[in-house]
């Protein structure tokens, strides 16, 4: 009996944690740990905890088995999609820009590449996250720029420069406005 109560409490707590994390992501807050966003680990926790928690909740509501099964399958499918999406967006789409001479705090930049072909002719959409502390980054702005900042930044081929009073990140393929 105590073990069952422990599982119920743990799955409820983990489900609340996952839902809070998803809410933070929707609000534009990125949690950055060891050079990657924390999304894939949260998605793994959600894949295990949320179906258990939803199943317990549905038994208390006393739905019929068919509706319970459909709702549980929807929750598992949504978690699976979130998990697959979080693994596909690994660190190659993210760039960590250190603070330095021109930047007072570090930035994380997410590059979303266009899906059109050929990719060379299109711009990427860059989302800038400014540092609140060493783990939490808040969405600052979204800019469009030439493709390739993430790839060049992995090889340290970027510079932060002031151009006519504005701050830019430049690399061999172009530049993008920061502020």
Protein backbone atom coordinates (compact mmCIF):
# COMPACT_ATOMS: atom_id res chain seq x y z
CA UNK A 1 0.00 0.00 0.00
CA UNK A 2 2.81 2.43 0.85
CA UNK A 3 4.62 1.59 -2.39
CA UNK A 4 1.48 2.29 -4.42
CA UNK A 5 1.07 5.66 -2.70
CA UNK A 6 4.73 6.43 -3.37
CA UNK A 7 4.33 5.66 -7.10
CA UNK A 8 1.19 7.81 -7.29
CA UNK A 9 2.92 10.75 -5.58
CA UNK A 10 6.09 10.39 -7.64
CA UNK A 11 4.27 10.18 -10.97
CA UNK A 12 2.08 13.16 -10.04
CA UNK A 13 5.12 15.20 -9.02
CA UNK A 14 7.04 14.29 -12.19
CA UNK A 15 4.01 15.05 -14.36
CA UNK A 16 3.66 18.47 -12.72
CA UNK A 17 7.40 19.03 -13.33
CA UNK A 18 7.07 18.11 -17.02
CA UNK A 19 4.02 20.33 -17.49
CA UNK A 20 5.81 23.21 -15.75
CA UNK A 21 8.80 22.74 -18.04
CA UNK A 22 6.60 22.73 -21.15
CA UNK A 23 4.89 25.89 -19.90
CA UNK A 24 8.29 27.56 -19.39
CA UNK A 25 9.34 26.60 -22.93
CA UNK A 26 6.11 28.07 -24.31
CA UNK A 27 6.87 31.27 -22.39
CA UNK A 28 10.30 31.45 -24.07
CA UNK A 29 12.51 30.18 -21.26
CA UNK A 30 15.31 27.76 -22.16
CA UNK A 31 17.04 25.58 -19.56
CA UNK A 32 20.60 24.98 -20.74
CA UNK A 33 22.73 22.23 -19.13
CA UNK A 34 26.09 20.89 -20.34
CA UNK A 35 25.91 22.53 -23.75
CA UNK A 36 22.38 21.41 -24.64
CA UNK A 37 18.80 22.28 -23.84
CA UNK A 38 17.22 20.02 -21.24
CA UNK A 39 14.28 19.06 -23.52
CA UNK A 40 15.17 15.45 -24.27
CA UNK A 41 15.54 14.50 -20.60
CA UNK A 42 12.25 16.14 -19.69
CA UNK A 43 10.59 14.34 -22.61
CA UNK A 44 11.93 10.99 -21.35
CA UNK A 45 10.59 11.68 -17.87
CA UNK A 46 7.25 12.68 -19.37
CA UNK A 47 7.07 9.54 -21.48
CA UNK A 48 7.26 7.44 -18.32
CA UNK A 49 5.47 9.57 -15.71
CA UNK A 50 2.59 11.16 -17.62
CA UNK A 51 0.81 7.95 -18.75
CA UNK A 52 0.96 6.59 -15.20
CA UNK A 53 -0.40 9.82 -13.77
CA UNK A 54 -3.11 10.15 -16.42
CA UNK A 55 -4.11 6.51 -15.92
CA UNK A 56 -4.49 7.03 -12.16
CA UNK A 57 -6.48 10.22 -12.74
CA UNK A 58 -8.76 8.53 -15.28
CA UNK A 59 -9.49 5.67 -12.87
CA UNK A 60 -10.59 8.23 -10.26
CA UNK A 61 -12.85 9.93 -12.83
CA UNK A 62 -14.20 6.50 -13.83
CA UNK A 63 -14.34 6.78 -17.61
CA UNK A 64 -15.24 3.75 -19.64
CA UNK A 65 -12.34 1.60 -20.87
CA UNK A 66 -12.55 2.73 -24.52
CA UNK A 67 -12.36 6.46 -23.71
CA UNK A 68 -9.63 5.81 -21.15
CA UNK A 69 -7.62 3.86 -23.72
CA UNK A 70 -8.04 6.54 -26.40
CA UNK A 71 -6.99 9.35 -24.04
CA UNK A 72 -4.01 7.35 -22.78
CA UNK A 73 -2.89 6.63 -26.36
CA UNK A 74 -3.15 10.34 -27.22
CA UNK A 75 -0.99 11.25 -24.20
CA UNK A 76 1.63 8.61 -25.08
CA UNK A 77 1.64 9.66 -28.76
CA UNK A 78 2.04 13.36 -27.87
CA UNK A 79 4.91 12.52 -25.49
CA UNK A 80 6.53 10.35 -28.15
CA UNK A 81 6.34 13.18 -30.70
CA UNK A 82 7.83 15.59 -28.16
CA UNK A 83 10.61 13.10 -27.43
CA UNK A 84 11.42 12.56 -31.12
CA UNK A 85 11.39 16.30 -31.70
CA UNK A 86 13.68 16.97 -28.75
CA UNK A 87 16.22 14.40 -29.95
CA UNK A 88 16.19 15.79 -33.48
CA UNK A 89 16.94 19.29 -32.19
CA UNK A 90 20.29 18.48 -30.66
CA UNK A 91 23.09 20.90 -29.97
CA UNK A 92 23.97 21.40 -33.66
CA UNK A 93 21.09 23.87 -33.97
CA UNK A 94 22.17 25.77 -30.86
CA UNK A 95 25.10 28.11 -30.45
CA UNK A 96 26.55 29.26 -27.15
CA UNK A 97 28.06 32.75 -27.37
CA UNK A 98 30.30 33.60 -24.41
CA UNK A 99 30.18 36.93 -22.67
CA UNK A 100 33.15 39.09 -23.37
CA UNK A 101 34.28 42.55 -24.36
CA UNK A 102 30.96 43.55 -25.96
CA UNK A 103 28.50 41.12 -24.37
CA UNK A 104 27.84 41.49 -20.66
CA UNK A 105 26.11 38.09 -20.43
CA UNK A 106 26.27 34.92 -22.51
CA UNK A 107 23.70 34.13 -25.18
CA UNK A 108 22.28 30.92 -26.63
CA UNK A 109 21.16 31.18 -30.22
CA UNK A 110 18.85 28.65 -31.86
CA UNK A 111 19.03 28.38 -35.64
CA UNK A 112 15.94 27.10 -37.38
CA UNK A 113 16.87 26.24 -40.94
CA UNK A 114 14.36 26.55 -43.75
CA UNK A 115 12.86 23.41 -45.21
CA UNK A 116 12.91 24.67 -48.79
CA UNK A 117 15.48 23.43 -51.24
CA UNK A 118 18.19 24.49 -52.13
CA UNK A 119 19.02 25.65 -48.62
CA UNK A 120 21.84 28.02 -49.69
CA UNK A 121 19.35 30.50 -51.11
CA UNK A 122 17.30 30.95 -47.95
CA UNK A 123 17.78 32.63 -44.62
CA UNK A 124 17.60 30.91 -41.27
CA UNK A 125 15.52 32.16 -38.37
CA UNK A 126 17.64 32.81 -35.26
CA UNK A 127 16.12 32.94 -31.78
CA UNK A 128 18.29 34.71 -29.22
CA UNK A 129 18.14 33.67 -25.55
CA UNK A 130 19.91 35.92 -23.04
CA UNK A 131 21.29 34.55 -19.81
CA UNK A 132 19.41 34.98 -16.57
CA UNK A 133 21.91 32.72 -14.78
CA UNK A 134 24.17 29.87 -15.89
CA UNK A 135 21.22 27.50 -16.56
CA UNK A 136 18.23 29.65 -17.43
CA UNK A 137 18.03 31.65 -20.64
CA UNK A 138 15.13 33.91 -21.60
CA UNK A 139 13.98 34.49 -25.17
CA UNK A 140 15.23 37.89 -26.18
CA UNK A 141 14.51 38.30 -29.90
CA UNK A 142 14.08 36.54 -33.23
CA UNK A 143 16.14 37.61 -36.24
CA UNK A 144 16.57 36.38 -39.79
CA UNK A 145 20.03 36.02 -41.24
CA UNK A 146 22.21 34.06 -43.58
CA UNK A 147 22.31 30.39 -42.88
CA UNK A 148 25.20 28.73 -41.06
CA UNK A 149 25.91 30.49 -37.76
CA UNK A 150 25.51 27.27 -35.75
CA UNK A 151 27.91 25.36 -37.96
CA UNK A 152 30.56 28.09 -37.89
CA UNK A 153 30.23 28.68 -34.15
CA UNK A 154 31.02 25.03 -33.46
CA UNK A 155 34.45 25.70 -34.96
CA UNK A 156 34.80 29.07 -33.17
CA UNK A 157 34.56 30.92 -36.48
CA UNK A 158 32.45 33.82 -35.15
CA UNK A 159 33.23 37.22 -33.71
CA UNK A 160 31.13 39.68 -31.76
CA UNK A 161 31.60 43.15 -33.26
CA UNK A 162 30.16 46.64 -32.98
CA UNK A 163 29.16 47.91 -36.41
CA UNK A 164 27.86 51.50 -36.56
CA UNK A 165 26.74 51.47 -32.92
CA UNK A 166 24.94 48.09 -33.06
CA UNK A 167 26.14 44.72 -31.84
CA UNK A 168 26.53 41.95 -34.43
CA UNK A 169 27.78 38.38 -34.55
CA UNK A 170 29.83 37.94 -37.69
CA UNK A 171 31.20 34.83 -39.38
CA UNK A 172 32.52 34.01 -42.81
CA UNK A 173 28.99 33.59 -44.21
CA UNK A 174 27.61 36.92 -43.00
CA UNK A 175 26.47 38.68 -39.87
CA UNK A 176 23.40 38.91 -37.68
CA UNK A 177 22.15 41.71 -35.45
CA UNK A 178 22.11 41.09 -31.69
CA UNK A 179 21.08 44.47 -30.29
